[in-house]
Amino acid sequence: MDIHFVITILLIGFIGSFISGMLGIGGAIINFPMLLYIPVMLGVGHFTAHEVSGITAIQVFFATIGGVLAYRKGGFLNKTLIAYMGVSILIGSFIGGFGSTHMSESGINIVYGILALIAVIMMFVPRKGIDDVPLEQVKFNKWLAALFAFIVGIGAGIVGAGGAFLLVPIMLVVLKIPTRMTIASSLAITLISSIGAVSGKIATGQVSILPSLIMVVASLIASPIGANAGKKVNTKVLQVIMGMLILVTAVKTWMTIL
């Protein structure tokens, strides 16, 4: 394992974790394809899909920790929202993960494609005035939040994703949570949902130790930087970036299916 390999993994982890912290997502939808294709393209290494899923699970866990720590001050973390949606998505992802063992690979891809398509549509639904509400006055339907998180958890468990790319549009469009509170709280919820994924990957021996450690270092550095950048960027710009990211993911997924 040479220095070029280490630098490549470090840069991949840094980019993914920076975007993770800035947009309130785990980063798996960015890091998975980069880890799968970039080391091979540069001729510095090769990972199997199982190895990549193990490394990204570790990266998501530590990137969300870094992001949550960066947002812990300023009232951006809604603890009630995190509790209701966190517990629900954890239960749902366990059920989805267990159920996915009975599904074909094409079936899993179709579920992922449908979820991504729904997320794209929701991200581009007009949202007026949600960022004008003071953070301490934010109200939402707790049981509706729990129900949606449970459904997202099932879908995320099936496809092996953290689910943040679906949580963010639901929190913005359905629950009417302000953008910065959505980003901060979704990081905390994704942290909770990633605990099961990390445990499963480690237990089944799908984690490559050294690349994972490199990604952890990158995550702990880049995620707080991304979170601090996200606090300064206009909320509409953050929403557009998130929407475009999900759109690219949806297009790529449906191209694979079709």
C-alpha atoms as a PDB file:
ATOM      1  CA  MET A   1       0.000   0.000   0.000  1.00  0.00           C
ATOM      2  CA  ASP A   2       1.855   3.119  -1.241  1.00  0.00           C
ATOM      3  CA  ILE A   3       1.581   6.846  -0.618  1.00  0.00           C
ATOM      4  CA  HIS A   4      -0.477   7.402  -3.801  1.00  0.00           C
ATOM      5  CA  PHE A   5      -3.138   5.020  -2.513  1.00  0.00           C
ATOM      6  CA  VAL A   6      -3.230   6.750   0.895  1.00  0.00           C
ATOM      7  CA  ILE A   7      -3.515  10.227  -0.678  1.00  0.00           C
ATOM      8  CA  THR A   8      -6.288   9.042  -3.029  1.00  0.00           C
ATOM      9  CA  ILE A   9      -8.375   7.565  -0.188  1.00  0.00           C
ATOM     10  CA  LEU A  10      -7.738  10.638   1.974  1.00  0.00           C
ATOM     11  CA  LEU A  11      -8.952  13.006  -0.769  1.00  0.00           C
ATOM     12  CA  ILE A  12     -12.037  10.867  -1.470  1.00  0.00           C
ATOM     13  CA  GLY A  13     -12.865  10.853   2.242  1.00  0.00           C
ATOM     14  CA  PHE A  14     -12.267  14.591   2.539  1.00  0.00           C
ATOM     15  CA  ILE A  15     -14.536  15.489  -0.404  1.00  0.00           C
ATOM     16  CA  GLY A  16     -17.333  13.154   0.682  1.00  0.00           C
ATOM     17  CA  SER A  17     -17.212  14.236   4.321  1.00  0.00           C
ATOM     18  CA  PHE A  18     -17.088  17.959   3.472  1.00  0.00           C
ATOM     19  CA  ILE A  19     -20.258  17.615   1.370  1.00  0.00           C
ATOM     20  CA  SER A  20     -21.750  15.420   4.100  1.00  0.00           C
ATOM     21  CA  GLY A  21     -21.277  18.085   6.758  1.00  0.00           C
ATOM     22  CA  MET A  22     -22.463  20.908   4.508  1.00  0.00           C
ATOM     23  CA  LEU A  23     -25.661  19.222   3.265  1.00  0.00           C
ATOM     24  CA  GLY A  24     -26.609  17.051   6.251  1.00  0.00           C
ATOM     25  CA  ILE A  25     -26.201  13.695   4.506  1.00  0.00           C
ATOM     26  CA  GLY A  26     -24.084  10.681   5.427  1.00  0.00           C
ATOM     27  CA  GLY A  27     -21.950  10.888   2.302  1.00  0.00           C
ATOM     28  CA  ALA A  28     -22.377   7.303   1.094  1.00  0.00           C
ATOM     29  CA  ILE A  29     -24.011   8.362  -2.201  1.00  0.00           C
ATOM     30  CA  ILE A  30     -20.844  10.356  -2.954  1.00  0.00           C
ATOM     31  CA  ASN A  31     -18.142   8.105  -1.529  1.00  0.00           C
ATOM     32  CA  PHE A  32     -19.481   4.766  -2.782  1.00  0.00           C
ATOM     33  CA  PRO A  33     -18.961   5.471  -6.518  1.00  0.00           C
ATOM     34  CA  MET A  34     -15.698   7.370  -5.879  1.00  0.00           C
ATOM     35  CA  LEU A  35     -14.181   4.491  -3.903  1.00  0.00           C
ATOM     36  CA  LEU A  36     -15.401   1.953  -6.423  1.00  0.00           C
ATOM     37  CA  TYR A  37     -14.049   3.671  -9.550  1.00  0.00           C
ATOM     38  CA  ILE A  38     -11.363   6.307  -8.776  1.00  0.00           C
ATOM     39  CA  PRO A  39      -8.634   4.040  -7.256  1.00  0.00           C
ATOM     40  CA  VAL A  40      -8.994   1.692 -10.251  1.00  0.00           C
ATOM     41  CA  MET A  41      -8.903   4.574 -12.756  1.00  0.00           C
ATOM     42  CA  LEU A  42      -5.727   5.940 -11.166  1.00  0.00           C
ATOM     43  CA  GLY A  43      -4.184   2.482 -10.915  1.00  0.00           C
ATOM     44  CA  VAL A  44      -3.534   2.737  -7.180  1.00  0.00           C
ATOM     45  CA  GLY A  45      -5.860   0.016  -5.891  1.00  0.00           C
ATOM     46  CA  HIS A  46      -9.118  -1.883  -6.185  1.00  0.00           C
ATOM     47  CA  PHE A  47     -12.065  -2.499  -3.849  1.00  0.00           C
ATOM     48  CA  THR A  48     -14.957  -4.924  -4.180  1.00  0.00           C
ATOM     49  CA  ALA A  49     -18.505  -3.610  -3.714  1.00  0.00           C
ATOM     50  CA  HIS A  50     -18.662  -5.318  -0.291  1.00  0.00           C
ATOM     51  CA  GLU A  51     -15.395  -3.668   0.800  1.00  0.00           C
ATOM     52  CA  VAL A  52     -16.626  -0.272  -0.412  1.00  0.00           C
ATOM     53  CA  SER A  53     -19.922  -0.663   1.468  1.00  0.00           C
ATOM     54  CA  GLY A  54     -17.965  -1.485   4.642  1.00  0.00           C
ATOM     55  CA  ILE A  55     -15.627   1.495   4.274  1.00  0.00           C
ATOM     56  CA  THR A  56     -18.479   3.917   3.514  1.00  0.00           C
ATOM     57  CA  ALA A  57     -20.454   2.652   6.522  1.00  0.00           C
ATOM     58  CA  ILE A  58     -17.497   3.584   8.762  1.00  0.00           C
ATOM     59  CA  GLN A  59     -17.068   6.926   6.950  1.00  0.00           C
ATOM     60  CA  VAL A  60     -20.757   7.835   7.357  1.00  0.00           C
ATOM     61  CA  PHE A  61     -20.633   7.083  11.083  1.00  0.00           C
ATOM     62  CA  PHE A  62     -17.637   9.345  11.765  1.00  0.00           C
ATOM     63  CA  ALA A  63     -18.647  12.062   9.269  1.00  0.00           C
ATOM     64  CA  THR A  64     -22.027  12.434  10.981  1.00  0.00           C
ATOM     65  CA  ILE A  65     -20.331  12.594  14.403  1.00  0.00           C
ATOM     66  CA  GLY A  66     -18.116  15.431  13.147  1.00  0.00           C
ATOM     67  CA  GLY A  67     -21.084  17.249  11.623  1.00  0.00           C
ATOM     68  CA  VAL A  68     -23.248  16.915  14.743  1.00  0.00           C
ATOM     69  CA  LEU A  69     -20.439  18.247  16.949  1.00  0.00           C
ATOM     70  CA  ALA A  70     -20.065  21.266  14.643  1.00  0.00           C
ATOM     71  CA  TYR A  71     -23.820  21.991  14.860  1.00  0.00           C
ATOM     72  CA  ARG A  72     -24.210  21.347  18.611  1.00  0.00           C
ATOM     73  CA  LYS A  73     -24.200  25.071  19.350  1.00  0.00           C
ATOM     74  CA  GLY A  74     -26.687  27.557  17.945  1.00  0.00           C
ATOM     75  CA  GLY A  75     -29.925  25.654  18.484  1.00  0.00           C
ATOM     76  CA  PHE A  76     -29.796  23.863  15.125  1.00  0.00           C
ATOM     77  CA  LEU A  77     -30.260  20.361  16.615  1.00  0.00           C
ATOM     78  CA  ASN A  78     -33.940  19.643  17.320  1.00  0.00           C
ATOM     79  CA  LYS A  79     -33.709  16.941  20.006  1.00  0.00           C
ATOM     80  CA  THR A  80     -37.404  15.969  19.820  1.00  0.00           C
ATOM     81  CA  LEU A  81     -37.216  15.547  16.046  1.00  0.00           C
ATOM     82  CA  ILE A  82     -34.002  13.521  16.372  1.00  0.00           C
ATOM     83  CA  ALA A  83     -35.524  11.236  19.031  1.00  0.00           C
ATOM     84  CA  TYR A  84     -38.748  10.447  17.132  1.00  0.00           C
ATOM     85  CA  MET A  85     -37.165  10.039  13.701  1.00  0.00           C
ATOM     86  CA  GLY A  86     -33.950   8.413  14.979  1.00  0.00           C
ATOM     87  CA  VAL A  87     -35.669   5.553  16.798  1.00  0.00           C
ATOM     88  CA  SER A  88     -38.134   5.014  13.932  1.00  0.00           C
ATOM     89  CA  ILE A  89     -35.486   4.922  11.186  1.00  0.00           C
ATOM     90  CA  LEU A  90     -33.371   2.512  13.253  1.00  0.00           C
ATOM     91  CA  ILE A  91     -36.302   0.073  13.578  1.00  0.00           C
ATOM     92  CA  GLY A  92     -37.247   0.484   9.918  1.00  0.00           C
ATOM     93  CA  SER A  93     -33.701  -0.015   8.645  1.00  0.00           C
ATOM     94  CA  PHE A  94     -33.378  -3.225  10.655  1.00  0.00           C
ATOM     95  CA  ILE A  95     -36.590  -4.575   9.095  1.00  0.00           C
ATOM     96  CA  GLY A  96     -35.524  -3.429   5.605  1.00  0.00           C
ATOM     97  CA  GLY A  97     -32.050  -4.890   5.989  1.00  0.00           C
ATOM     98  CA  PHE A  98     -33.469  -8.240   7.059  1.00  0.00           C
ATOM     99  CA  GLY A  99     -36.075  -8.227   4.271  1.00  0.00           C
ATOM    100  CA  SER A 100     -33.506  -7.385   1.595  1.00  0.00           C
ATOM    101  CA  THR A 101     -32.006 -10.876   1.945  1.00  0.00           C
ATOM    102  CA  HIS A 102     -35.123 -12.178   0.168  1.00  0.00           C
ATOM    103  CA  MET A 103     -34.913  -9.671  -2.715  1.00  0.00           C
ATOM    104  CA  SER A 104     -33.050  -9.889  -6.027  1.00  0.00           C
ATOM    105  CA  GLU A 105     -30.327  -7.351  -6.894  1.00  0.00           C
ATOM    106  CA  SER A 106     -32.543  -5.837  -9.603  1.00  0.00           C
ATOM    107  CA  GLY A 107     -35.368  -5.512  -7.069  1.00  0.00           C
ATOM    108  CA  ILE A 108     -33.100  -3.648  -4.665  1.00  0.00           C
ATOM    109  CA  ASN A 109     -31.964  -1.320  -7.488  1.00  0.00           C
ATOM    110  CA  ILE A 110     -35.586  -0.564  -8.414  1.00  0.00           C
ATOM    111  CA  VAL A 111     -36.421   0.312  -4.785  1.00  0.00           C
ATOM    112  CA  TYR A 112     -33.383   2.635  -4.666  1.00  0.00           C
ATOM    113  CA  GLY A 113     -34.373   4.215  -7.996  1.00  0.00           C
ATOM    114  CA  ILE A 114     -37.939   4.848  -6.841  1.00  0.00           C
ATOM    115  CA  LEU A 115     -36.746   6.376  -3.551  1.00  0.00           C
ATOM    116  CA  ALA A 116     -34.269   8.633  -5.367  1.00  0.00           C
ATOM    117  CA  LEU A 117     -36.951   9.726  -7.859  1.00  0.00           C
ATOM    118  CA  ILE A 118     -39.361  10.620  -5.039  1.00  0.00           C
ATOM    119  CA  ALA A 119     -36.584  12.552  -3.286  1.00  0.00           C
ATOM    120  CA  VAL A 120     -35.784  14.527  -6.473  1.00  0.00           C
ATOM    121  CA  ILE A 121     -39.426  15.530  -6.969  1.00  0.00           C
ATOM    122  CA  MET A 122     -39.738  16.607  -3.328  1.00  0.00           C
ATOM    123  CA  MET A 123     -36.518  18.646  -3.410  1.00  0.00           C
ATOM    124  CA  PHE A 124     -37.871  20.823  -6.216  1.00  0.00           C
ATOM    125  CA  VAL A 125     -41.294  21.435  -4.639  1.00  0.00           C
ATOM    126  CA  PRO A 126     -41.532  25.180  -3.770  1.00  0.00           C
ATOM    127  CA  ARG A 127     -41.012  25.886  -0.068  1.00  0.00           C
ATOM    128  CA  LYS A 128     -41.950  29.390   1.016  1.00  0.00           C
ATOM    129  CA  GLY A 129     -41.225  30.890   4.401  1.00  0.00           C
ATOM    130  CA  ILE A 130     -39.794  27.826   6.167  1.00  0.00           C
ATOM    131  CA  ASP A 131     -36.520  29.628   6.886  1.00  0.00           C
ATOM    132  CA  ASP A 132     -38.341  32.663   8.304  1.00  0.00           C
ATOM    133  CA  VAL A 133     -39.526  30.729  11.378  1.00  0.00           C
ATOM    134  CA  PRO A 134     -37.306  31.253  14.478  1.00  0.00           C
ATOM    135  CA  LEU A 135     -35.644  27.933  15.437  1.00  0.00           C
ATOM    136  CA  GLU A 136     -37.122  27.964  18.951  1.00  0.00           C
ATOM    137  CA  GLN A 137     -40.652  28.250  17.491  1.00  0.00           C
ATOM    138  CA  VAL A 138     -40.421  25.312  15.077  1.00  0.00           C
ATOM    139  CA  LYS A 139     -43.361  22.885  15.412  1.00  0.00           C
ATOM    140  CA  PHE A 140     -44.058  19.615  13.589  1.00  0.00           C
ATOM    141  CA  ASN A 141     -46.282  16.532  13.757  1.00  0.00           C
ATOM    142  CA  LYS A 142     -44.237  14.078  15.860  1.00  0.00           C
ATOM    143  CA  TRP A 143     -46.083  10.923  14.797  1.00  0.00           C
ATOM    144  CA  LEU A 144     -46.017  11.877  11.127  1.00  0.00           C
ATOM    145  CA  ALA A 145     -42.248  12.410  11.464  1.00  0.00           C
ATOM    146  CA  ALA A 146     -41.894   8.983  13.097  1.00  0.00           C
ATOM    147  CA  LEU A 147     -44.017   7.299  10.400  1.00  0.00           C
ATOM    148  CA  PHE A 148     -42.016   8.795   7.517  1.00  0.00           C
ATOM    149  CA  ALA A 149     -38.717   7.943   9.232  1.00  0.00           C
ATOM    150  CA  PHE A 150     -39.880   4.343   9.664  1.00  0.00           C
ATOM    151  CA  ILE A 151     -40.793   4.092   5.955  1.00  0.00           C
ATOM    152  CA  VAL A 152     -37.475   5.687   4.935  1.00  0.00           C
ATOM    153  CA  GLY A 153     -35.692   3.275   7.267  1.00  0.00           C
ATOM    154  CA  ILE A 154     -37.239   0.265   5.532  1.00  0.00           C
ATOM    155  CA  GLY A 155     -36.199   1.582   2.108  1.00  0.00           C
ATOM    156  CA  ALA A 156     -32.737   2.587   3.315  1.00  0.00           C
ATOM    157  CA  GLY A 157     -32.275  -0.805   4.958  1.00  0.00           C
ATOM    158  CA  ILE A 158     -33.164  -2.568   1.706  1.00  0.00           C
ATOM    159  CA  VAL A 159     -30.668  -0.598  -0.395  1.00  0.00           C
ATOM    160  CA  GLY A 160     -27.992  -0.235   2.313  1.00  0.00           C
ATOM    161  CA  ALA A 161     -28.022   3.583   2.422  1.00  0.00           C
ATOM    162  CA  GLY A 162     -28.184   5.913   5.406  1.00  0.00           C
ATOM    163  CA  GLY A 163     -31.448   7.450   4.188  1.00  0.00           C
ATOM    164  CA  ALA A 164     -30.474  11.116   4.628  1.00  0.00           C
ATOM    165  CA  PHE A 165     -31.056  11.833   0.921  1.00  0.00           C
ATOM    166  CA  LEU A 166     -34.741  11.044   1.628  1.00  0.00           C
ATOM    167  CA  LEU A 167     -34.946  12.468   5.138  1.00  0.00           C
ATOM    168  CA  VAL A 168     -33.852  15.938   4.038  1.00  0.00           C
ATOM    169  CA  PRO A 169     -36.655  16.531   1.476  1.00  0.00           C
ATOM    170  CA  ILE A 170     -39.251  15.034   3.855  1.00  0.00           C
ATOM    171  CA  MET A 171     -38.149  17.337   6.664  1.00  0.00           C
ATOM    172  CA  LEU A 172     -38.155  20.363   4.348  1.00  0.00           C
ATOM    173  CA  VAL A 173     -41.355  19.713   2.367  1.00  0.00           C
ATOM    174  CA  VAL A 174     -43.632  17.663   4.645  1.00  0.00           C
ATOM    175  CA  LEU A 175     -42.591  18.672   8.159  1.00  0.00           C
ATOM    176  CA  LYS A 176     -41.657  22.280   7.237  1.00  0.00           C
ATOM    177  CA  ILE A 177     -38.395  22.242   9.210  1.00  0.00           C
ATOM    178  CA  PRO A 178     -36.032  25.198   8.456  1.00  0.00           C
ATOM    179  CA  THR A 179     -33.093  24.293   6.190  1.00  0.00           C
ATOM    180  CA  ARG A 180     -30.243  24.638   8.698  1.00  0.00           C
ATOM    181  CA  MET A 181     -32.166  22.736  11.408  1.00  0.00           C
ATOM    182  CA  THR A 182     -32.959  20.062   8.801  1.00  0.00           C
ATOM    183  CA  ILE A 183     -29.269  19.682   7.884  1.00  0.00           C
ATOM    184  CA  ALA A 184     -28.097  19.505  11.515  1.00  0.00           C
ATOM    185  CA  SER A 185     -30.857  17.165  12.707  1.00  0.00           C
ATOM    186  CA  SER A 186     -30.587  14.852   9.682  1.00  0.00           C
ATOM    187  CA  LEU A 187     -26.889  14.374  10.486  1.00  0.00           C
ATOM    188  CA  ALA A 188     -27.829  13.246  14.005  1.00  0.00           C
ATOM    189  CA  ILE A 189     -30.593  10.945  12.713  1.00  0.00           C
ATOM    190  CA  THR A 190     -28.237   9.456  10.105  1.00  0.00           C
ATOM    191  CA  LEU A 191     -25.671   8.882  12.881  1.00  0.00           C
ATOM    192  CA  ILE A 192     -28.260   6.816  14.761  1.00  0.00           C
ATOM    193  CA  SER A 193     -29.271   4.843  11.652  1.00  0.00           C
ATOM    194  CA  SER A 194     -25.627   4.150  10.756  1.00  0.00           C
ATOM    195  CA  ILE A 195     -24.918   2.375  14.063  1.00  0.00           C
ATOM    196  CA  GLY A 196     -26.681  -0.776  12.852  1.00  0.00           C
ATOM    197  CA  ALA A 197     -24.912  -0.680   9.476  1.00  0.00           C
ATOM    198  CA  VAL A 198     -21.466  -0.315  11.054  1.00  0.00           C
ATOM    199  CA  SER A 199     -22.139  -3.138  13.518  1.00  0.00           C
ATOM    200  CA  GLY A 200     -23.293  -5.439  10.717  1.00  0.00           C
ATOM    201  CA  LYS A 201     -20.315  -4.661   8.453  1.00  0.00           C
ATOM    202  CA  ILE A 202     -17.773  -5.234  11.237  1.00  0.00           C
ATOM    203  CA  ALA A 203     -19.487  -8.439  12.389  1.00  0.00           C
ATOM    204  CA  THR A 204     -19.448  -9.881   8.861  1.00  0.00           C
ATOM    205  CA  GLY A 205     -15.834  -8.899   8.166  1.00  0.00           C
ATOM    206  CA  GLN A 206     -16.617  -6.407   5.369  1.00  0.00           C
ATOM    207  CA  VAL A 207     -14.391  -3.617   6.742  1.00  0.00           C
ATOM    208  CA  SER A 208     -10.879  -3.041   5.365  1.00  0.00           C
ATOM    209  CA  ILE A 209      -9.033  -1.635   8.365  1.00  0.00           C
ATOM    210  CA  LEU A 210      -6.403   0.735   6.885  1.00  0.00           C
ATOM    211  CA  PRO A 211      -8.608   2.418   4.219  1.00  0.00           C
ATOM    212  CA  SER A 212     -11.334   2.805   6.863  1.00  0.00           C
ATOM    213  CA  LEU A 213      -8.899   4.483   9.282  1.00  0.00           C
ATOM    214  CA  ILE A 214      -7.810   6.886   6.511  1.00  0.00           C
ATOM    215  CA  MET A 215     -11.470   7.718   5.817  1.00  0.00           C
ATOM    216  CA  VAL A 216     -12.099   8.264   9.535  1.00  0.00           C
ATOM    217  CA  VAL A 217      -9.254  10.804   9.726  1.00  0.00           C
ATOM    218  CA  ALA A 218     -10.597  12.597   6.633  1.00  0.00           C
ATOM    219  CA  SER A 219     -14.155  12.551   8.047  1.00  0.00           C
ATOM    220  CA  LEU A 220     -13.238  14.024  11.418  1.00  0.00           C
ATOM    221  CA  ILE A 221     -11.354  16.863   9.709  1.00  0.00           C
ATOM    222  CA  ALA A 222     -13.613  17.618   6.728  1.00  0.00           C
ATOM    223  CA  SER A 223     -17.129  17.110   8.140  1.00  0.00           C
ATOM    224  CA  PRO A 224     -16.916  19.967  10.710  1.00  0.00           C
ATOM    225  CA  ILE A 225     -15.386  22.220   8.017  1.00  0.00           C
ATOM    226  CA  GLY A 226     -18.303  21.376   5.712  1.00  0.00           C
ATOM    227  CA  ALA A 227     -20.808  21.989   8.515  1.00  0.00           C
ATOM    228  CA  ASN A 228     -19.315  25.421   9.263  1.00  0.00           C
ATOM    229  CA  ALA A 229     -19.369  26.242   5.545  1.00  0.00           C
ATOM    230  CA  GLY A 230     -23.015  25.177   5.407  1.00  0.00           C
ATOM    231  CA  LYS A 231     -23.881  27.677   8.148  1.00  0.00           C
ATOM    232  CA  LYS A 232     -22.616  30.516   5.941  1.00  0.00           C
ATOM    233  CA  VAL A 233     -24.005  29.447   2.556  1.00  0.00           C
ATOM    234  CA  ASN A 234     -27.435  30.756   1.500  1.00  0.00           C
ATOM    235  CA  THR A 235     -30.104  28.164   2.336  1.00  0.00           C
ATOM    236  CA  LYS A 236     -31.546  28.222  -1.211  1.00  0.00           C
ATOM    237  CA  VAL A 237     -28.092  27.403  -2.595  1.00  0.00           C
ATOM    238  CA  LEU A 238     -27.822  24.466  -0.172  1.00  0.00           C
ATOM    239  CA  GLN A 239     -31.223  23.186  -1.320  1.00  0.00           C
ATOM    240  CA  VAL A 240     -30.246  23.425  -5.009  1.00  0.00           C
ATOM    241  CA  ILE A 241     -26.930  21.586  -4.425  1.00  0.00           C
ATOM    242  CA  MET A 242     -28.761  18.840  -2.538  1.00  0.00           C
ATOM    243  CA  GLY A 243     -31.404  18.590  -5.251  1.00  0.00           C
ATOM    244  CA  MET A 244     -28.807  18.284  -8.013  1.00  0.00           C
ATOM    245  CA  LEU A 245     -26.879  15.643  -6.056  1.00  0.00           C
ATOM    246  CA  ILE A 246     -29.996  13.514  -5.607  1.00  0.00           C
ATOM    247  CA  LEU A 247     -30.948  14.062  -9.275  1.00  0.00           C
ATOM    248  CA  VAL A 248     -27.579  12.737 -10.477  1.00  0.00           C
ATOM    249  CA  THR A 249     -27.984   9.722  -8.170  1.00  0.00           C
ATOM    250  CA  ALA A 250     -31.488   9.041  -9.488  1.00  0.00           C
ATOM    251  CA  VAL A 251     -30.424   9.305 -13.155  1.00  0.00           C
ATOM    252  CA  LYS A 252     -27.441   6.999 -12.612  1.00  0.00           C
ATOM    253  CA  THR A 253     -29.623   4.452 -10.804  1.00  0.00           C
ATOM    254  CA  TRP A 254     -32.320   4.371 -13.507  1.00  0.00           C
ATOM    255  CA  MET A 255     -29.686   4.099 -16.240  1.00  0.00           C
ATOM    256  CA  THR A 256     -28.410   0.989 -14.449  1.00  0.00           C
ATOM    257  CA  ILE A 257     -31.943  -0.440 -14.144  1.00  0.00           C
ATOM    258  CA  LEU A 258     -32.955   0.283 -17.754  1.00  0.00           C
END
